[in-house]
Each structure stands twice: as C-alpha cells, then as structure tokens.
Amino acid sequence: MKVQIVLLIFSLFTMNGVAATKKVKPAPAPAVLQFTPEAILAEVLKKKNLELRPQLPLPKLNLQSQTSLKKFQDDIEPQWNMRPDVFTNAYAFKTNQIFLMDQAAYYKKTNRCIDDSLAHELMHYVQVMYQNADLADESLESEAVDIQTWFRETHCKLPPKALLPLIF
C-alpha cells in the first residue's frame, strides 16, 4: 500500500513537473493591414469614379482576432437569414460593420493580403451606401471580386509565386 501511495505521489509530481515546464505555443501573429481602411476606401472610390462622401459614416471594422464568433453570428444572422458556423469576411449593411478574417496563414495560403479582402468588403459598403444597391443582386458579388482582384494586383506586396515545372 505504501509503495502504491509513493508511486502515485511520484506520478503526480512528475506529471505536474512536466506540465509546468512544457511551453505553451503563442498564438500566431495576425495579418496586418498595409493601408488604412480610409486609404483603401479612397482607392475603391477612385476605381469606381466616385467621390468620397464625408457625411456617410465609415463602417466599423471588426477583426476576427478581436471579435467573438457570437458577435459575428448575431450581427450577420438577420442579413443572411442563417447563423454561420464560422467567422468569415462580410459586410453587415444593417449595422454598417465589416467583419474581416485576420489569420496570416489564410492569406499566405491563398496568396492574398488582408487589404484586398477589406477592399472587397468596402466595395459592398460602396454598393449599399453610395449606389443604394440591394446586396441580394448576385452581380454585386462579381463586382466586389473584381475590385478585390484589382486591388491585390495593384497594391498588395505578395511574395513571388514559385515557378511551376513545365509539363509536356
């Protein structure tokens, strides 16, 4: 019995010692905007041949690393008529908020930058606030994708793509 107690105490001490010395891996650094939201909006407006309307409130920017999934769901559900399971990039026009993923690994994997995602969502803001568009119109998504691609190709500093081998 004494041996079992000693072994139990030793096991607990050893496990606690290991746990205490095990380093916790820090969360990866989030993606960081290269440009301010105001500068990105100015570029989007310029591309669309529109002038800034200072009287219009800018959308509030909610970064994923600083925003709970519940807040995202609560603000997007009335617009989408469904409760999303995951956080994604979106413009909530009813509350004039942009939700933006800021996971650096996502942007690296997709060879994109967080700024082009913001340009996409700001295009939706422009469609609603400047053009009185109805986001139910599916063609508006194509326009936002076009702006996003243009912004990425024009302004984002991305690492060069690896050369692919030629296949004959």
N, C-alpha and C. Protein backbone atom coordinates (compact mmCIF):
# COMPACT_ATOMS: atom_id res chain seq x y z
N MET A 1 0.82 -1.19 0.00
CA MET A 1 0.00 0.00 0.00
C MET A 1 0.87 1.26 0.00
N LYS A 2 1.94 1.24 0.84
CA LYS A 2 2.83 2.40 0.90
C LYS A 2 3.51 2.62 -0.44
N VAL A 3 3.86 1.52 -1.11
CA VAL A 3 4.52 1.63 -2.41
C VAL A 3 3.58 2.28 -3.42
N GLN A 4 2.31 1.90 -3.38
CA GLN A 4 1.33 2.47 -4.30
C GLN A 4 1.16 3.97 -4.05
N ILE A 5 1.12 4.36 -2.81
CA ILE A 5 0.97 5.78 -2.47
C ILE A 5 2.19 6.56 -2.94
N VAL A 6 3.37 5.99 -2.70
CA VAL A 6 4.60 6.65 -3.12
C VAL A 6 4.62 6.79 -4.64
N LEU A 7 4.23 5.73 -5.36
CA LEU A 7 4.19 5.78 -6.82
C LEU A 7 3.17 6.81 -7.31
N LEU A 8 2.03 6.87 -6.65
CA LEU A 8 1.00 7.84 -7.03
C LEU A 8 1.52 9.27 -6.83
N ILE A 9 2.14 9.53 -5.69
CA ILE A 9 2.68 10.86 -5.43
C ILE A 9 3.78 11.18 -6.43
N PHE A 10 4.66 10.21 -6.72
CA PHE A 10 5.73 10.42 -7.68
C PHE A 10 5.16 10.72 -9.07
N SER A 11 4.12 9.96 -9.45
CA SER A 11 3.49 10.18 -10.76
C SER A 11 2.88 11.57 -10.85
N LEU A 12 2.17 11.97 -9.82
CA LEU A 12 1.57 13.30 -9.82
C LEU A 12 2.64 14.39 -9.87
N PHE A 13 3.69 14.21 -9.10
CA PHE A 13 4.76 15.19 -9.08
C PHE A 13 5.43 15.28 -10.45
N THR A 14 5.70 14.12 -11.05
CA THR A 14 6.36 14.08 -12.35
C THR A 14 5.48 14.71 -13.43
N MET A 15 4.19 14.38 -13.43
CA MET A 15 3.28 14.94 -14.44
C MET A 15 3.17 16.45 -14.25
N ASN A 16 3.07 16.89 -13.01
CA ASN A 16 2.99 18.33 -12.76
C ASN A 16 4.28 19.02 -13.17
N GLY A 17 5.41 18.37 -12.91
CA GLY A 17 6.68 18.93 -13.31
C GLY A 17 6.80 19.07 -14.81
N VAL A 18 6.33 18.05 -15.53
CA VAL A 18 6.37 18.10 -17.00
C VAL A 18 5.43 19.19 -17.49
N ALA A 19 4.24 19.22 -16.92
CA ALA A 19 3.26 20.22 -17.36
C ALA A 19 3.77 21.63 -17.08
N ALA A 20 4.46 21.78 -15.96
CA ALA A 20 4.92 23.12 -15.61
C ALA A 20 6.05 23.58 -16.53
N THR A 21 6.84 22.62 -17.03
CA THR A 21 7.95 23.02 -17.90
C THR A 21 7.58 23.04 -19.37
N LYS A 22 6.43 22.48 -19.73
CA LYS A 22 6.01 22.47 -21.13
C LYS A 22 5.62 23.89 -21.55
N LYS A 23 6.24 24.34 -22.61
CA LYS A 23 5.97 25.70 -23.08
C LYS A 23 4.70 25.74 -23.91
N VAL A 24 3.91 26.75 -23.67
CA VAL A 24 2.69 26.96 -24.43
C VAL A 24 3.06 27.75 -25.68
N LYS A 25 2.67 27.23 -26.82
CA LYS A 25 2.98 27.89 -28.08
C LYS A 25 2.11 29.14 -28.21
N PRO A 26 2.74 30.29 -28.44
CA PRO A 26 1.94 31.53 -28.57
C PRO A 26 1.09 31.50 -29.83
N ALA A 27 -0.01 32.20 -29.78
CA ALA A 27 -0.89 32.30 -30.95
C ALA A 27 -0.12 32.99 -32.07
N PRO A 28 -0.34 32.54 -33.32
CA PRO A 28 0.36 33.20 -34.42
C PRO A 28 -0.07 34.66 -34.56
N ALA A 29 0.85 35.47 -35.01
CA ALA A 29 0.55 36.89 -35.19
C ALA A 29 -0.50 37.06 -36.27
N PRO A 30 -1.45 37.95 -36.07
CA PRO A 30 -2.48 38.16 -37.10
C PRO A 30 -1.92 38.90 -38.32
N ALA A 31 -2.63 38.80 -39.42
CA ALA A 31 -2.29 39.58 -40.60
C ALA A 31 -2.51 41.05 -40.27
N VAL A 32 -1.69 41.90 -40.83
CA VAL A 32 -1.76 43.33 -40.55
C VAL A 32 -2.00 44.09 -41.86
N LEU A 33 -2.91 45.05 -41.81
CA LEU A 33 -3.19 45.87 -42.98
C LEU A 33 -1.95 46.67 -43.38
N GLN A 34 -1.69 46.73 -44.69
CA GLN A 34 -0.61 47.57 -45.21
C GLN A 34 -1.09 49.02 -45.35
N PHE A 35 -2.40 49.19 -45.52
CA PHE A 35 -3.00 50.51 -45.74
C PHE A 35 -4.12 50.73 -44.73
N THR A 36 -4.46 51.97 -44.47
CA THR A 36 -5.58 52.27 -43.58
C THR A 36 -6.89 51.97 -44.32
N PRO A 37 -7.95 51.68 -43.58
CA PRO A 37 -9.25 51.49 -44.23
C PRO A 37 -9.66 52.71 -45.07
N GLU A 38 -9.34 53.90 -44.59
CA GLU A 38 -9.67 55.12 -45.33
C GLU A 38 -8.93 55.18 -46.67
N ALA A 39 -7.67 54.78 -46.68
CA ALA A 39 -6.89 54.77 -47.93
C ALA A 39 -7.43 53.73 -48.90
N ILE A 40 -7.83 52.58 -48.39
CA ILE A 40 -8.39 51.53 -49.25
C ILE A 40 -9.71 51.99 -49.83
N LEU A 41 -10.55 52.61 -48.99
CA LEU A 41 -11.83 53.14 -49.49
C LEU A 41 -11.58 54.18 -50.58
N ALA A 42 -10.62 55.06 -50.37
CA ALA A 42 -10.31 56.09 -51.37
C ALA A 42 -9.92 55.46 -52.70
N GLU A 43 -9.15 54.37 -52.66
CA GLU A 43 -8.75 53.68 -53.90
C GLU A 43 -9.95 53.02 -54.58
N VAL A 44 -10.82 52.41 -53.78
CA VAL A 44 -12.03 51.78 -54.34
C VAL A 44 -12.91 52.84 -55.00
N LEU A 45 -13.12 53.95 -54.32
CA LEU A 45 -13.94 55.03 -54.89
C LEU A 45 -13.32 55.58 -56.17
N LYS A 46 -12.02 55.76 -56.16
CA LYS A 46 -11.32 56.27 -57.35
C LYS A 46 -11.51 55.30 -58.52
N LYS A 47 -11.37 54.01 -58.26
CA LYS A 47 -11.53 53.00 -59.31
C LYS A 47 -12.96 53.02 -59.87
N LYS A 48 -13.93 53.32 -59.03
CA LYS A 48 -15.34 53.34 -59.44
C LYS A 48 -15.78 54.73 -59.92
N ASN A 49 -14.84 55.67 -60.00
CA ASN A 49 -15.14 57.05 -60.42
C ASN A 49 -16.20 57.70 -59.53
N LEU A 50 -16.05 57.49 -58.24
CA LEU A 50 -16.95 58.09 -57.25
C LEU A 50 -16.14 58.97 -56.31
N GLU A 51 -16.80 59.97 -55.76
CA GLU A 51 -16.14 60.86 -54.81
C GLU A 51 -16.53 60.50 -53.38
N LEU A 52 -15.59 60.69 -52.47
CA LEU A 52 -15.83 60.43 -51.06
C LEU A 52 -16.97 61.32 -50.56
N ARG A 53 -17.87 60.73 -49.80
CA ARG A 53 -18.94 61.47 -49.15
C ARG A 53 -18.65 61.46 -47.64
N PRO A 54 -17.98 62.50 -47.17
CA PRO A 54 -17.56 62.51 -45.76
C PRO A 54 -18.72 62.42 -44.77
N GLN A 55 -19.93 62.78 -45.21
CA GLN A 55 -21.08 62.72 -44.30
C GLN A 55 -21.54 61.28 -44.04
N LEU A 56 -21.13 60.34 -44.87
CA LEU A 56 -21.50 58.94 -44.66
C LEU A 56 -20.58 58.31 -43.63
N PRO A 57 -21.15 57.63 -42.64
CA PRO A 57 -20.30 57.00 -41.63
C PRO A 57 -19.53 55.82 -42.23
N LEU A 58 -18.25 55.75 -41.89
CA LEU A 58 -17.45 54.61 -42.32
C LEU A 58 -17.89 53.38 -41.54
N PRO A 59 -17.79 52.21 -42.14
CA PRO A 59 -18.17 51.01 -41.40
C PRO A 59 -17.17 50.72 -40.28
N LYS A 60 -17.67 50.14 -39.20
CA LYS A 60 -16.80 49.71 -38.10
C LYS A 60 -16.09 48.44 -38.56
N LEU A 61 -14.80 48.37 -38.34
CA LEU A 61 -14.01 47.21 -38.72
C LEU A 61 -13.84 46.28 -37.52
N ASN A 62 -14.28 45.03 -37.69
CA ASN A 62 -14.17 44.01 -36.64
C ASN A 62 -13.22 42.92 -37.14
N LEU A 63 -12.03 42.85 -36.55
CA LEU A 63 -11.07 41.82 -36.93
C LEU A 63 -11.37 40.53 -36.17
N GLN A 64 -11.19 39.41 -36.83
CA GLN A 64 -11.51 38.12 -36.24
C GLN A 64 -10.77 37.89 -34.92
N SER A 65 -9.51 38.29 -34.85
CA SER A 65 -8.72 38.06 -33.64
C SER A 65 -9.23 38.87 -32.44
N GLN A 66 -10.08 39.86 -32.71
CA GLN A 66 -10.58 40.73 -31.65
C GLN A 66 -12.10 40.67 -31.50
N THR A 67 -12.74 39.74 -32.23
CA THR A 67 -14.20 39.69 -32.27
C THR A 67 -14.67 38.27 -31.99
N SER A 68 -15.64 38.12 -31.13
CA SER A 68 -16.15 36.79 -30.83
C SER A 68 -17.00 36.26 -31.99
N LEU A 69 -17.01 34.95 -32.11
CA LEU A 69 -17.86 34.32 -33.12
C LEU A 69 -19.32 34.67 -32.86
N LYS A 70 -19.71 34.75 -31.59
CA LYS A 70 -21.09 35.08 -31.25
C LYS A 70 -21.49 36.46 -31.77
N LYS A 71 -20.61 37.45 -31.62
CA LYS A 71 -20.92 38.79 -32.14
C LYS A 71 -21.10 38.74 -33.65
N PHE A 72 -20.18 38.06 -34.33
CA PHE A 72 -20.28 37.92 -35.78
C PHE A 72 -21.63 37.28 -36.15
N GLN A 73 -21.95 36.18 -35.49
CA GLN A 73 -23.21 35.47 -35.77
C GLN A 73 -24.42 36.37 -35.50
N ASP A 74 -24.42 37.05 -34.37
CA ASP A 74 -25.56 37.91 -34.00
C ASP A 74 -25.77 39.03 -35.01
N ASP A 75 -24.68 39.59 -35.54
CA ASP A 75 -24.80 40.72 -36.47
C ASP A 75 -25.07 40.28 -37.91
N ILE A 76 -24.65 39.09 -38.27
CA ILE A 76 -24.82 38.62 -39.66
C ILE A 76 -26.11 37.81 -39.85
N GLU A 77 -26.55 37.12 -38.82
CA GLU A 77 -27.73 36.26 -38.95
C GLU A 77 -28.95 36.97 -39.53
N PRO A 78 -29.32 38.17 -39.08
CA PRO A 78 -30.50 38.83 -39.65
C PRO A 78 -30.36 39.12 -41.15
N GLN A 79 -29.16 39.37 -41.60
CA GLN A 79 -28.92 39.69 -43.01
C GLN A 79 -28.90 38.42 -43.87
N TRP A 80 -28.29 37.37 -43.36
CA TRP A 80 -28.14 36.14 -44.15
C TRP A 80 -29.30 35.16 -43.92
N ASN A 81 -30.15 35.44 -42.93
CA ASN A 81 -31.24 34.53 -42.57
C ASN A 81 -30.74 33.13 -42.22
N MET A 82 -29.56 33.08 -41.68
CA MET A 82 -28.97 31.85 -41.15
C MET A 82 -27.84 32.24 -40.22
N ARG A 83 -27.52 31.34 -39.30
CA ARG A 83 -26.46 31.62 -38.33
C ARG A 83 -25.19 30.89 -38.79
N PRO A 84 -24.18 31.63 -39.24
CA PRO A 84 -22.98 30.97 -39.74
C PRO A 84 -22.23 30.23 -38.63
N ASP A 85 -21.62 29.12 -39.01
CA ASP A 85 -20.87 28.31 -38.04
C ASP A 85 -19.46 28.84 -37.81
N VAL A 86 -18.94 29.58 -38.79
CA VAL A 86 -17.57 30.08 -38.70
C VAL A 86 -17.53 31.56 -39.05
N PHE A 87 -16.49 32.20 -38.62
CA PHE A 87 -16.23 33.61 -38.91
C PHE A 87 -15.71 33.70 -40.35
N THR A 88 -16.22 34.64 -41.09
CA THR A 88 -15.74 34.87 -42.46
C THR A 88 -15.79 36.36 -42.76
N ASN A 89 -15.20 36.75 -43.87
CA ASN A 89 -15.25 38.15 -44.28
C ASN A 89 -16.68 38.49 -44.68
N ALA A 90 -17.17 39.63 -44.21
CA ALA A 90 -18.55 40.02 -44.53
C ALA A 90 -18.77 41.50 -44.23
N TYR A 91 -19.71 42.08 -44.98
CA TYR A 91 -20.19 43.44 -44.69
C TYR A 91 -21.61 43.32 -44.18
N ALA A 92 -21.85 43.74 -42.95
CA ALA A 92 -23.19 43.75 -42.36
C ALA A 92 -23.78 45.14 -42.59
N PHE A 93 -24.60 45.25 -43.64
CA PHE A 93 -25.10 46.58 -44.01
C PHE A 93 -26.11 47.13 -43.01
N LYS A 94 -26.83 46.26 -42.32
CA LYS A 94 -27.84 46.75 -41.36
C LYS A 94 -27.19 47.47 -40.18
N THR A 95 -25.98 47.07 -39.84
CA THR A 95 -25.27 47.69 -38.72
C THR A 95 -24.02 48.45 -39.18
N ASN A 96 -23.79 48.48 -40.48
CA ASN A 96 -22.63 49.16 -41.09
C ASN A 96 -21.33 48.72 -40.43
N GLN A 97 -21.09 47.40 -40.48
CA GLN A 97 -19.89 46.82 -39.91
C GLN A 97 -19.24 45.88 -40.92
N ILE A 98 -17.93 45.87 -40.92
CA ILE A 98 -17.18 44.90 -41.72
C ILE A 98 -16.53 43.92 -40.76
N PHE A 99 -16.67 42.64 -41.07
CA PHE A 99 -16.01 41.58 -40.33
C PHE A 99 -14.91 41.04 -41.23
N LEU A 100 -13.70 40.95 -40.69
CA LEU A 100 -12.56 40.61 -41.51
C LEU A 100 -11.68 39.57 -40.81
N MET A 101 -11.47 38.45 -41.50
CA MET A 101 -10.54 37.44 -41.01
C MET A 101 -9.14 38.05 -41.03
N ASP A 102 -8.37 37.79 -39.99
CA ASP A 102 -7.00 38.31 -39.97
C ASP A 102 -5.98 37.23 -39.62
N GLN A 103 -6.24 36.02 -40.07
CA GLN A 103 -5.30 34.92 -39.87
C GLN A 103 -4.24 34.98 -40.97
N ALA A 104 -3.01 35.27 -40.59
CA ALA A 104 -1.93 35.42 -41.57
C ALA A 104 -1.76 34.15 -42.40
N ALA A 105 -1.92 32.98 -41.79
CA ALA A 105 -1.76 31.72 -42.53
C ALA A 105 -2.77 31.60 -43.67
N TYR A 106 -3.98 32.08 -43.46
CA TYR A 106 -5.01 32.03 -44.51
C TYR A 106 -4.58 32.86 -45.72
N TYR A 107 -4.09 34.06 -45.47
CA TYR A 107 -3.69 34.93 -46.58
C TYR A 107 -2.45 34.41 -47.28
N LYS A 108 -1.54 33.82 -46.52
CA LYS A 108 -0.34 33.24 -47.13
C LYS A 108 -0.72 32.05 -48.02
N LYS A 109 -1.60 31.20 -47.49
CA LYS A 109 -2.02 30.00 -48.23
C LYS A 109 -2.76 30.36 -49.52
N THR A 110 -3.55 31.41 -49.50
CA THR A 110 -4.34 31.80 -50.68
C THR A 110 -3.63 32.83 -51.55
N ASN A 111 -2.40 33.19 -51.16
CA ASN A 111 -1.59 34.18 -51.90
C ASN A 111 -2.36 35.49 -52.07
N ARG A 112 -2.95 35.91 -50.97
CA ARG A 112 -3.71 37.16 -50.94
C ARG A 112 -3.21 37.99 -49.78
N CYS A 113 -3.77 39.20 -49.65
CA CYS A 113 -3.44 40.02 -48.48
C CYS A 113 -4.75 40.48 -47.84
N ILE A 114 -4.66 40.80 -46.57
CA ILE A 114 -5.85 41.23 -45.83
C ILE A 114 -6.43 42.51 -46.44
N ASP A 115 -5.58 43.33 -47.04
CA ASP A 115 -6.04 44.58 -47.65
C ASP A 115 -7.00 44.33 -48.81
N ASP A 116 -6.73 43.29 -49.62
CA ASP A 116 -7.64 43.05 -50.74
C ASP A 116 -8.98 42.52 -50.24
N SER A 117 -8.98 41.80 -49.12
CA SER A 117 -10.25 41.37 -48.53
C SER A 117 -11.04 42.57 -48.03
N LEU A 118 -10.33 43.53 -47.44
CA LEU A 118 -11.01 44.74 -46.99
C LEU A 118 -11.54 45.54 -48.18
N ALA A 119 -10.79 45.59 -49.28
CA ALA A 119 -11.27 46.28 -50.49
C ALA A 119 -12.57 45.64 -50.98
N HIS A 120 -12.65 44.32 -50.92
CA HIS A 120 -13.86 43.59 -51.34
C HIS A 120 -15.05 44.03 -50.48
N GLU A 121 -14.87 44.01 -49.16
CA GLU A 121 -15.97 44.37 -48.26
C GLU A 121 -16.31 45.86 -48.37
N LEU A 122 -15.31 46.69 -48.58
CA LEU A 122 -15.59 48.12 -48.78
C LEU A 122 -16.35 48.35 -50.08
N MET A 123 -16.14 47.50 -51.08
CA MET A 123 -16.93 47.62 -52.31
C MET A 123 -18.40 47.36 -52.00
N HIS A 124 -18.69 46.39 -51.14
CA HIS A 124 -20.08 46.17 -50.74
C HIS A 124 -20.63 47.40 -50.00
N TYR A 125 -19.81 48.00 -49.15
CA TYR A 125 -20.21 49.24 -48.47
C TYR A 125 -20.55 50.32 -49.50
N VAL A 126 -19.72 50.48 -50.51
CA VAL A 126 -19.95 51.48 -51.57
C VAL A 126 -21.24 51.15 -52.32
N GLN A 127 -21.46 49.88 -52.61
CA GLN A 127 -22.68 49.48 -53.32
C GLN A 127 -23.92 49.88 -52.54
N VAL A 128 -23.89 49.68 -51.24
CA VAL A 128 -25.06 49.99 -50.41
C VAL A 128 -25.17 51.48 -50.12
N MET A 129 -24.10 52.09 -49.66
CA MET A 129 -24.16 53.47 -49.18
C MET A 129 -24.07 54.52 -50.29
N TYR A 130 -23.36 54.23 -51.35
CA TYR A 130 -23.17 55.21 -52.42
C TYR A 130 -24.10 54.94 -53.60
N GLN A 131 -24.41 53.67 -53.85
CA GLN A 131 -25.18 53.32 -55.04
C GLN A 131 -26.58 52.80 -54.72
N ASN A 132 -26.94 52.76 -53.44
CA ASN A 132 -28.25 52.27 -53.00
C ASN A 132 -28.60 50.91 -53.60
N ALA A 133 -27.61 50.06 -53.72
CA ALA A 133 -27.81 48.73 -54.31
C ALA A 133 -28.39 47.77 -53.27
N ASP A 134 -29.04 46.75 -53.77
CA ASP A 134 -29.58 45.68 -52.94
C ASP A 134 -28.59 44.52 -53.03
N LEU A 135 -27.98 44.15 -51.90
CA LEU A 135 -26.97 43.10 -51.92
C LEU A 135 -27.53 41.73 -52.28
N ALA A 136 -28.84 41.62 -52.43
CA ALA A 136 -29.42 40.37 -52.91
C ALA A 136 -29.12 40.15 -54.40
N ASP A 137 -28.73 41.22 -55.09
CA ASP A 137 -28.35 41.14 -56.50
C ASP A 137 -27.00 40.43 -56.59
N GLU A 138 -26.99 39.23 -57.16
CA GLU A 138 -25.78 38.41 -57.21
C GLU A 138 -24.66 39.03 -58.04
N SER A 139 -24.98 39.91 -58.97
CA SER A 139 -23.93 40.52 -59.80
C SER A 139 -23.03 41.43 -58.96
N LEU A 140 -23.52 41.88 -57.82
CA LEU A 140 -22.72 42.75 -56.97
C LEU A 140 -21.52 42.02 -56.37
N GLU A 141 -21.67 40.73 -56.15
CA GLU A 141 -20.54 39.94 -55.64
C GLU A 141 -19.43 39.87 -56.68
N SER A 142 -19.80 39.72 -57.94
CA SER A 142 -18.79 39.69 -59.01
C SER A 142 -18.04 41.01 -59.07
N GLU A 143 -18.76 42.11 -58.90
CA GLU A 143 -18.11 43.42 -58.91
C GLU A 143 -17.13 43.54 -57.74
N ALA A 144 -17.52 43.04 -56.57
CA ALA A 144 -16.65 43.10 -55.40
C ALA A 144 -15.41 42.23 -55.60
N VAL A 145 -15.58 41.07 -56.22
CA VAL A 145 -14.43 40.20 -56.52
C VAL A 145 -13.49 40.88 -57.51
N ASP A 146 -14.06 41.54 -58.51
CA ASP A 146 -13.23 42.27 -59.48
C ASP A 146 -12.40 43.36 -58.80
N ILE A 147 -13.03 44.11 -57.90
CA ILE A 147 -12.31 45.16 -57.16
C ILE A 147 -11.22 44.54 -56.29
N GLN A 148 -11.55 43.44 -55.65
CA GLN A 148 -10.58 42.75 -54.79
C GLN A 148 -9.37 42.30 -55.59
N THR A 149 -9.61 41.69 -56.75
CA THR A 149 -8.51 41.22 -57.60
C THR A 149 -7.67 42.40 -58.09
N TRP A 150 -8.33 43.45 -58.54
CA TRP A 150 -7.62 44.65 -58.99
C TRP A 150 -6.76 45.22 -57.86
N PHE A 151 -7.35 45.32 -56.66
CA PHE A 151 -6.61 45.89 -55.54
C PHE A 151 -5.39 45.03 -55.22
N ARG A 152 -5.57 43.73 -55.18
CA ARG A 152 -4.46 42.81 -54.87
C ARG A 152 -3.34 42.97 -55.89
N GLU A 153 -3.70 42.97 -57.17
CA GLU A 153 -2.69 43.05 -58.23
C GLU A 153 -2.02 44.42 -58.28
N THR A 154 -2.71 45.44 -57.85
CA THR A 154 -2.19 46.81 -57.91
C THR A 154 -1.43 47.22 -56.65
N HIS A 155 -1.90 46.78 -55.49
CA HIS A 155 -1.38 47.35 -54.24
C HIS A 155 -0.74 46.36 -53.26
N CYS A 156 -1.10 45.10 -53.32
CA CYS A 156 -0.59 44.16 -52.31
C CYS A 156 0.82 43.70 -52.65
N LYS A 157 1.67 43.73 -51.66
CA LYS A 157 3.04 43.24 -51.83
C LYS A 157 3.04 41.77 -51.40
N LEU A 158 2.98 40.89 -52.38
CA LEU A 158 2.94 39.46 -52.10
C LEU A 158 4.26 38.83 -52.51
N PRO A 159 4.65 37.74 -51.83
CA PRO A 159 5.86 37.05 -52.27
C PRO A 159 5.65 36.47 -53.67
N PRO A 160 6.71 36.42 -54.48
CA PRO A 160 6.54 35.88 -55.83
C PRO A 160 6.12 34.42 -55.78
N LYS A 161 5.26 34.03 -56.72
CA LYS A 161 4.83 32.64 -56.80
C LYS A 161 6.01 31.79 -57.25
N ALA A 162 6.08 30.58 -56.73
CA ALA A 162 7.13 29.66 -57.15
C ALA A 162 6.90 29.29 -58.62
N LEU A 163 7.97 29.14 -59.35
CA LEU A 163 7.85 28.73 -60.75
C LEU A 163 7.37 27.29 -60.79
N LEU A 164 6.36 27.06 -61.60
CA LEU A 164 5.83 25.71 -61.74
C LEU A 164 6.58 24.99 -62.85
N PRO A 165 6.84 23.71 -62.70
CA PRO A 165 7.54 22.99 -63.77
C PRO A 165 6.65 22.90 -65.01
N LEU A 166 7.28 22.94 -66.16
CA LEU A 166 6.54 22.80 -67.41
C LEU A 166 6.19 21.34 -67.61
N ILE A 167 4.96 21.11 -68.03
CA ILE A 167 4.51 19.74 -68.28
C ILE A 167 4.29 19.60 -69.77
N PHE A 168 4.94 18.61 -70.39
CA PHE A 168 4.80 18.38 -71.83
C PHE A 168 3.99 17.14 -72.07
